Amino acid sequence: MTGDLDLAAILEEENLLNLVDAMKHLGYKSRIPVNPRGLANPEVRESWKREKGLKVFTFFHPKKPFAEVDILIDEQISFSKIWGDRVECQAGNVSVPTASIDDLIKMKQQLARDKDLSDIAALRRIKALKEKEE
């Protein structure tokens, strides 16, 4: 399994600017040498996809090398669908909304990076085990 965090966000200006500000506040920096506030501009995102081949925008933390955060910039599955299909997972006393296994598989298939392909195999095994339990 990979050690990054994949985030699906509503790709609207105010929301993305708040996300960028939060990442900066937490000490994260853009993996590529661009102003991350460009995320809020759909034309800039499109140029990044076209010219740089970006599928995700990655933030990294200089003091935590494995603490990467990938923001999905190509909304192949709408945020509202992901949110509607979400699964609540417990982490201690906190309920964490996560994408369903099926939505995760679809998102990772669209990204199709090596790490996503290995994640898909693991997700399919988890899904099979869950179905067996039911």
N, C-alpha and C. Protein backbone atom coordinates (compact mmCIF):
# COMPACT_ATOMS: atom_id res chain seq x y z
N MET A 1 0.84 -1.18 0.00
CA MET A 1 0.00 0.00 0.00
C MET A 1 0.89 1.25 0.00
N THR A 2 0.37 2.28 -0.57
CA THR A 2 1.12 3.53 -0.64
C THR A 2 0.95 4.31 0.66
N GLY A 3 1.83 5.27 0.86
CA GLY A 3 1.80 6.04 2.09
C GLY A 3 1.25 7.43 1.91
N ASP A 4 0.69 7.72 0.74
CA ASP A 4 0.16 9.05 0.54
C ASP A 4 -1.33 9.09 0.87
N LEU A 5 -1.87 10.29 0.87
CA LEU A 5 -3.29 10.49 1.11
C LEU A 5 -3.87 11.08 -0.16
N ASP A 6 -4.86 10.41 -0.73
CA ASP A 6 -5.53 10.92 -1.92
C ASP A 6 -6.79 11.65 -1.49
N LEU A 7 -6.93 12.91 -1.92
CA LEU A 7 -8.10 13.70 -1.57
C LEU A 7 -8.90 14.05 -2.81
N ALA A 8 -10.19 13.82 -2.74
CA ALA A 8 -11.11 14.33 -3.76
C ALA A 8 -11.74 15.57 -3.15
N ALA A 9 -11.74 16.63 -3.91
CA ALA A 9 -12.27 17.90 -3.40
C ALA A 9 -13.25 18.47 -4.41
N ILE A 10 -14.14 19.31 -3.92
CA ILE A 10 -15.00 20.06 -4.83
C ILE A 10 -14.10 21.07 -5.53
N LEU A 11 -14.05 20.99 -6.86
CA LEU A 11 -13.11 21.79 -7.63
C LEU A 11 -13.67 23.18 -7.92
N GLU A 12 -13.98 23.89 -6.84
CA GLU A 12 -14.46 25.27 -6.94
C GLU A 12 -13.43 26.18 -6.30
N GLU A 13 -13.34 27.41 -6.82
CA GLU A 13 -12.28 28.33 -6.43
C GLU A 13 -12.13 28.50 -4.93
N GLU A 14 -13.18 28.89 -4.24
CA GLU A 14 -13.07 29.16 -2.81
C GLU A 14 -12.63 27.92 -2.04
N ASN A 15 -13.20 26.78 -2.38
CA ASN A 15 -12.86 25.54 -1.71
C ASN A 15 -11.38 25.19 -1.91
N LEU A 16 -10.90 25.31 -3.14
CA LEU A 16 -9.51 24.97 -3.43
C LEU A 16 -8.53 25.96 -2.81
N LEU A 17 -8.90 27.24 -2.78
CA LEU A 17 -8.02 28.22 -2.12
C LEU A 17 -7.93 27.92 -0.62
N ASN A 18 -9.05 27.54 0.00
CA ASN A 18 -9.03 27.16 1.42
C ASN A 18 -8.16 25.92 1.63
N LEU A 19 -8.24 24.97 0.72
CA LEU A 19 -7.42 23.75 0.81
C LEU A 19 -5.94 24.10 0.71
N VAL A 20 -5.58 24.93 -0.26
CA VAL A 20 -4.18 25.34 -0.43
C VAL A 20 -3.68 26.07 0.81
N ASP A 21 -4.50 26.97 1.36
CA ASP A 21 -4.12 27.70 2.57
C ASP A 21 -3.91 26.74 3.75
N ALA A 22 -4.79 25.75 3.86
CA ALA A 22 -4.66 24.76 4.95
C ALA A 22 -3.37 23.96 4.79
N MET A 23 -3.06 23.54 3.57
CA MET A 23 -1.84 22.78 3.34
C MET A 23 -0.61 23.62 3.70
N LYS A 24 -0.62 24.88 3.30
CA LYS A 24 0.50 25.78 3.63
C LYS A 24 0.62 25.94 5.14
N HIS A 25 -0.51 26.13 5.81
CA HIS A 25 -0.51 26.28 7.27
C HIS A 25 0.09 25.05 7.97
N LEU A 26 -0.14 23.88 7.38
CA LEU A 26 0.38 22.63 7.95
C LEU A 26 1.84 22.36 7.56
N GLY A 27 2.42 23.25 6.76
CA GLY A 27 3.83 23.11 6.39
C GLY A 27 4.07 22.38 5.09
N TYR A 28 3.02 22.11 4.31
CA TYR A 28 3.16 21.39 3.05
C TYR A 28 3.53 22.34 1.92
N LYS A 29 4.23 21.80 0.93
CA LYS A 29 4.66 22.56 -0.23
C LYS A 29 4.29 21.80 -1.50
N SER A 30 4.21 22.53 -2.59
CA SER A 30 3.89 21.94 -3.89
C SER A 30 5.05 21.06 -4.35
N ARG A 31 4.75 19.87 -4.86
CA ARG A 31 5.78 18.97 -5.39
C ARG A 31 6.39 19.55 -6.67
N ILE A 32 5.58 20.22 -7.49
CA ILE A 32 6.10 20.82 -8.71
C ILE A 32 6.31 22.32 -8.49
N PRO A 33 7.24 22.92 -9.23
CA PRO A 33 7.56 24.34 -8.99
C PRO A 33 6.55 25.30 -9.62
N VAL A 34 5.34 25.32 -9.04
CA VAL A 34 4.30 26.24 -9.47
C VAL A 34 3.63 26.80 -8.23
N ASN A 35 2.89 27.87 -8.40
CA ASN A 35 2.11 28.41 -7.30
C ASN A 35 0.88 27.52 -7.10
N PRO A 36 0.74 26.88 -5.94
CA PRO A 36 -0.38 25.96 -5.73
C PRO A 36 -1.75 26.64 -5.80
N ARG A 37 -1.79 27.97 -5.67
CA ARG A 37 -3.06 28.67 -5.78
C ARG A 37 -3.64 28.55 -7.19
N GLY A 38 -2.81 28.14 -8.15
CA GLY A 38 -3.29 27.86 -9.49
C GLY A 38 -4.32 26.74 -9.53
N LEU A 39 -4.33 25.90 -8.51
CA LEU A 39 -5.34 24.84 -8.42
C LEU A 39 -6.75 25.40 -8.52
N ALA A 40 -6.95 26.61 -8.02
CA ALA A 40 -8.28 27.20 -7.98
C ALA A 40 -8.76 27.67 -9.35
N ASN A 41 -7.87 27.71 -10.33
CA ASN A 41 -8.20 28.21 -11.65
C ASN A 41 -8.35 27.03 -12.62
N PRO A 42 -9.57 26.78 -13.13
CA PRO A 42 -9.78 25.63 -14.02
C PRO A 42 -8.90 25.66 -15.26
N GLU A 43 -8.60 26.85 -15.79
CA GLU A 43 -7.76 26.94 -16.98
C GLU A 43 -6.31 26.53 -16.66
N VAL A 44 -5.84 26.91 -15.48
CA VAL A 44 -4.49 26.53 -15.06
C VAL A 44 -4.44 25.01 -14.85
N ARG A 45 -5.45 24.46 -14.18
CA ARG A 45 -5.49 23.00 -13.99
C ARG A 45 -5.46 22.28 -15.32
N GLU A 46 -6.24 22.76 -16.29
CA GLU A 46 -6.26 22.13 -17.61
C GLU A 46 -4.88 22.20 -18.28
N SER A 47 -4.20 23.35 -18.15
CA SER A 47 -2.87 23.46 -18.75
C SER A 47 -1.89 22.52 -18.06
N TRP A 48 -2.00 22.35 -16.75
CA TRP A 48 -1.13 21.40 -16.04
C TRP A 48 -1.38 19.98 -16.54
N LYS A 49 -2.65 19.64 -16.73
CA LYS A 49 -2.97 18.30 -17.23
C LYS A 49 -2.41 18.10 -18.64
N ARG A 50 -2.60 19.09 -19.48
CA ARG A 50 -2.19 19.01 -20.88
C ARG A 50 -0.66 19.07 -21.03
N GLU A 51 -0.03 20.05 -20.37
CA GLU A 51 1.40 20.30 -20.58
C GLU A 51 2.31 19.46 -19.68
N LYS A 52 1.85 19.15 -18.47
CA LYS A 52 2.69 18.43 -17.52
C LYS A 52 2.22 16.98 -17.30
N GLY A 53 1.06 16.65 -17.90
CA GLY A 53 0.52 15.30 -17.72
C GLY A 53 0.01 15.03 -16.32
N LEU A 54 -0.32 16.10 -15.58
CA LEU A 54 -0.77 15.92 -14.19
C LEU A 54 -2.15 15.28 -14.12
N LYS A 55 -2.26 14.33 -13.22
CA LYS A 55 -3.55 13.74 -12.88
C LYS A 55 -3.90 14.10 -11.45
N VAL A 56 -2.86 14.32 -10.65
CA VAL A 56 -3.03 14.76 -9.26
C VAL A 56 -2.05 15.89 -8.99
N PHE A 57 -2.39 16.72 -8.05
CA PHE A 57 -1.49 17.78 -7.60
C PHE A 57 -0.97 17.34 -6.25
N THR A 58 0.34 17.18 -6.13
CA THR A 58 0.91 16.62 -4.91
C THR A 58 1.53 17.69 -4.03
N PHE A 59 1.17 17.61 -2.74
CA PHE A 59 1.83 18.40 -1.70
C PHE A 59 2.73 17.45 -0.92
N PHE A 60 3.88 17.96 -0.51
CA PHE A 60 4.77 17.16 0.33
C PHE A 60 5.15 17.99 1.55
N HIS A 61 5.58 17.30 2.58
CA HIS A 61 6.04 17.98 3.80
C HIS A 61 7.54 17.78 3.89
N PRO A 62 8.32 18.88 3.90
CA PRO A 62 9.79 18.76 3.91
C PRO A 62 10.35 17.97 5.08
N LYS A 63 9.65 17.94 6.21
CA LYS A 63 10.15 17.23 7.39
C LYS A 63 9.57 15.83 7.53
N LYS A 64 8.61 15.49 6.67
CA LYS A 64 7.96 14.18 6.74
C LYS A 64 7.92 13.60 5.32
N PRO A 65 8.99 12.93 4.91
CA PRO A 65 9.12 12.52 3.51
C PRO A 65 8.02 11.60 3.00
N PHE A 66 7.33 10.89 3.86
CA PHE A 66 6.28 9.99 3.40
C PHE A 66 4.88 10.56 3.59
N ALA A 67 4.80 11.82 3.93
CA ALA A 67 3.50 12.44 4.20
C ALA A 67 3.06 13.27 2.99
N GLU A 68 2.84 12.60 1.86
CA GLU A 68 2.38 13.29 0.67
C GLU A 68 0.86 13.30 0.62
N VAL A 69 0.32 14.38 0.05
CA VAL A 69 -1.12 14.51 -0.14
C VAL A 69 -1.36 14.79 -1.61
N ASP A 70 -2.12 13.90 -2.26
CA ASP A 70 -2.47 14.06 -3.67
C ASP A 70 -3.89 14.59 -3.78
N ILE A 71 -4.04 15.69 -4.51
CA ILE A 71 -5.36 16.26 -4.77
C ILE A 71 -5.74 15.84 -6.19
N LEU A 72 -6.87 15.17 -6.32
CA LEU A 72 -7.32 14.74 -7.64
C LEU A 72 -7.79 15.96 -8.42
N ILE A 73 -7.17 16.24 -9.56
CA ILE A 73 -7.52 17.46 -10.30
C ILE A 73 -8.35 17.16 -11.54
N ASP A 74 -8.60 15.90 -11.80
CA ASP A 74 -9.40 15.51 -12.95
C ASP A 74 -10.63 14.79 -12.41
N GLU A 75 -11.74 15.49 -12.38
CA GLU A 75 -12.94 14.96 -11.73
C GLU A 75 -13.66 13.98 -12.66
N GLN A 76 -13.13 12.76 -12.76
CA GLN A 76 -13.77 11.72 -13.57
C GLN A 76 -14.99 11.16 -12.86
N ILE A 77 -14.94 11.13 -11.55
CA ILE A 77 -16.08 10.75 -10.73
C ILE A 77 -16.42 12.00 -9.92
N SER A 78 -17.65 12.43 -9.98
CA SER A 78 -18.00 13.68 -9.30
C SER A 78 -17.85 13.54 -7.79
N PHE A 79 -17.49 14.65 -7.17
CA PHE A 79 -17.36 14.65 -5.72
C PHE A 79 -18.69 14.25 -5.08
N SER A 80 -19.81 14.71 -5.66
CA SER A 80 -21.11 14.39 -5.06
C SER A 80 -21.37 12.88 -5.09
N LYS A 81 -20.91 12.18 -6.14
CA LYS A 81 -21.07 10.71 -6.17
C LYS A 81 -20.18 10.07 -5.12
N ILE A 82 -18.93 10.52 -5.05
CA ILE A 82 -18.00 9.97 -4.06
C ILE A 82 -18.57 10.19 -2.67
N TRP A 83 -19.08 11.39 -2.41
CA TRP A 83 -19.64 11.71 -1.09
C TRP A 83 -20.89 10.87 -0.82
N GLY A 84 -21.72 10.71 -1.83
CA GLY A 84 -22.94 9.92 -1.66
C GLY A 84 -22.67 8.45 -1.39
N ASP A 85 -21.58 7.93 -1.93
CA ASP A 85 -21.23 6.51 -1.76
C ASP A 85 -20.25 6.28 -0.61
N ARG A 86 -19.91 7.34 0.12
CA ARG A 86 -18.86 7.26 1.14
C ARG A 86 -19.16 6.19 2.19
N VAL A 87 -18.09 5.76 2.82
CA VAL A 87 -18.15 4.80 3.92
C VAL A 87 -17.52 5.48 5.12
N GLU A 88 -18.17 5.40 6.25
CA GLU A 88 -17.62 6.00 7.47
C GLU A 88 -16.75 4.96 8.18
N CYS A 89 -15.51 5.31 8.44
CA CYS A 89 -14.57 4.44 9.14
C CYS A 89 -14.23 5.08 10.49
N GLN A 90 -14.10 4.26 11.49
CA GLN A 90 -13.74 4.76 12.82
C GLN A 90 -12.24 4.77 12.99
N ALA A 91 -11.72 5.88 13.46
CA ALA A 91 -10.31 6.02 13.82
C ALA A 91 -10.30 6.55 15.25
N GLY A 92 -10.27 5.63 16.19
CA GLY A 92 -10.42 6.03 17.60
C GLY A 92 -11.83 6.52 17.81
N ASN A 93 -11.95 7.74 18.31
CA ASN A 93 -13.28 8.32 18.56
C ASN A 93 -13.79 9.16 17.39
N VAL A 94 -13.06 9.15 16.29
CA VAL A 94 -13.40 10.00 15.15
C VAL A 94 -13.94 9.16 14.01
N SER A 95 -15.03 9.61 13.42
CA SER A 95 -15.58 8.96 12.24
C SER A 95 -15.01 9.68 11.01
N VAL A 96 -14.35 8.91 10.13
CA VAL A 96 -13.67 9.48 8.96
C VAL A 96 -14.40 9.04 7.69
N PRO A 97 -14.93 10.01 6.93
CA PRO A 97 -15.58 9.61 5.67
C PRO A 97 -14.54 9.25 4.63
N THR A 98 -14.70 8.10 3.99
CA THR A 98 -13.78 7.66 2.94
C THR A 98 -14.58 7.24 1.72
N ALA A 99 -13.93 7.26 0.58
CA ALA A 99 -14.57 6.80 -0.65
C ALA A 99 -14.84 5.30 -0.53
N SER A 100 -15.90 4.85 -1.17
CA SER A 100 -16.21 3.42 -1.19
C SER A 100 -15.09 2.69 -1.94
N ILE A 101 -14.99 1.40 -1.70
CA ILE A 101 -13.97 0.60 -2.39
C ILE A 101 -14.17 0.68 -3.90
N ASP A 102 -15.43 0.61 -4.36
CA ASP A 102 -15.68 0.67 -5.80
C ASP A 102 -15.24 2.01 -6.38
N ASP A 103 -15.52 3.12 -5.68
CA ASP A 103 -15.10 4.44 -6.16
C ASP A 103 -13.57 4.57 -6.12
N LEU A 104 -12.94 4.04 -5.08
CA LEU A 104 -11.48 4.06 -5.02
C LEU A 104 -10.87 3.32 -6.20
N ILE A 105 -11.42 2.17 -6.51
CA ILE A 105 -10.91 1.39 -7.64
C ILE A 105 -11.07 2.18 -8.93
N LYS A 106 -12.22 2.80 -9.14
CA LYS A 106 -12.44 3.59 -10.37
C LYS A 106 -11.46 4.75 -10.46
N MET A 107 -11.26 5.46 -9.35
CA MET A 107 -10.34 6.60 -9.35
C MET A 107 -8.91 6.14 -9.65
N LYS A 108 -8.50 5.04 -9.03
CA LYS A 108 -7.15 4.56 -9.22
C LYS A 108 -6.95 3.99 -10.62
N GLN A 109 -8.00 3.42 -11.22
CA GLN A 109 -7.91 2.95 -12.61
C GLN A 109 -7.68 4.12 -13.55
N GLN A 110 -8.32 5.25 -13.27
CA GLN A 110 -8.15 6.43 -14.12
C GLN A 110 -6.75 7.01 -13.99
N LEU A 111 -6.18 6.94 -12.78
CA LEU A 111 -4.82 7.46 -12.59
C LEU A 111 -3.80 6.52 -13.20
N ALA A 112 -3.98 5.23 -12.97
CA ALA A 112 -3.18 4.15 -13.59
C ALA A 112 -1.67 4.30 -13.40
N ARG A 113 -1.24 4.91 -12.30
CA ARG A 113 0.19 4.93 -11.98
C ARG A 113 0.54 3.56 -11.40
N ASP A 114 1.81 3.21 -11.37
CA ASP A 114 2.21 1.90 -10.83
C ASP A 114 1.66 1.67 -9.43
N LYS A 115 1.79 2.69 -8.57
CA LYS A 115 1.32 2.52 -7.20
C LYS A 115 -0.20 2.35 -7.15
N ASP A 116 -0.93 2.99 -8.08
CA ASP A 116 -2.38 2.84 -8.10
C ASP A 116 -2.77 1.43 -8.54
N LEU A 117 -2.04 0.87 -9.49
CA LEU A 117 -2.34 -0.48 -9.96
C LEU A 117 -2.15 -1.51 -8.84
N SER A 118 -1.12 -1.34 -8.01
CA SER A 118 -0.94 -2.26 -6.89
C SER A 118 -2.02 -2.03 -5.83
N ASP A 119 -2.43 -0.78 -5.66
CA ASP A 119 -3.52 -0.49 -4.72
C ASP A 119 -4.82 -1.15 -5.19
N ILE A 120 -5.07 -1.13 -6.50
CA ILE A 120 -6.29 -1.74 -7.04
C ILE A 120 -6.34 -3.23 -6.69
N ALA A 121 -5.22 -3.91 -6.86
CA ALA A 121 -5.17 -5.34 -6.53
C ALA A 121 -5.49 -5.56 -5.06
N ALA A 122 -4.92 -4.74 -4.19
CA ALA A 122 -5.20 -4.86 -2.75
C ALA A 122 -6.65 -4.54 -2.44
N LEU A 123 -7.19 -3.51 -3.08
CA LEU A 123 -8.60 -3.14 -2.85
C LEU A 123 -9.54 -4.25 -3.30
N ARG A 124 -9.21 -4.90 -4.39
CA ARG A 124 -10.06 -6.01 -4.86
C ARG A 124 -10.02 -7.18 -3.88
N ARG A 125 -8.85 -7.43 -3.29
CA ARG A 125 -8.75 -8.49 -2.28
C ARG A 125 -9.58 -8.13 -1.04
N ILE A 126 -9.50 -6.88 -0.62
CA ILE A 126 -10.29 -6.42 0.53
C ILE A 126 -11.77 -6.55 0.24
N LYS A 127 -12.19 -6.14 -0.96
CA LYS A 127 -13.60 -6.23 -1.35
C LYS A 127 -14.06 -7.69 -1.31
N ALA A 128 -13.25 -8.59 -1.85
CA ALA A 128 -13.61 -10.01 -1.86
C ALA A 128 -13.75 -10.55 -0.43
N LEU A 129 -12.83 -10.16 0.45
CA LEU A 129 -12.92 -10.60 1.85
C LEU A 129 -14.17 -10.06 2.53
N LYS A 130 -14.51 -8.81 2.27
CA LYS A 130 -15.71 -8.21 2.85
C LYS A 130 -16.96 -8.92 2.35
N GLU A 131 -16.98 -9.22 1.05
CA GLU A 131 -18.14 -9.92 0.49
C GLU A 131 -18.28 -11.32 1.06
N LYS A 132 -17.16 -11.96 1.34
CA LYS A 132 -17.16 -13.30 1.94
C LYS A 132 -17.75 -13.26 3.34
N GLU A 133 -17.41 -12.17 4.09
CA GLU A 133 -17.91 -12.01 5.47
C GLU A 133 -19.41 -11.82 5.49
N GLU A 134 -19.95 -11.18 4.46
CA GLU A 134 -21.39 -10.90 4.41
C GLU A 134 -22.10 -12.13 4.00
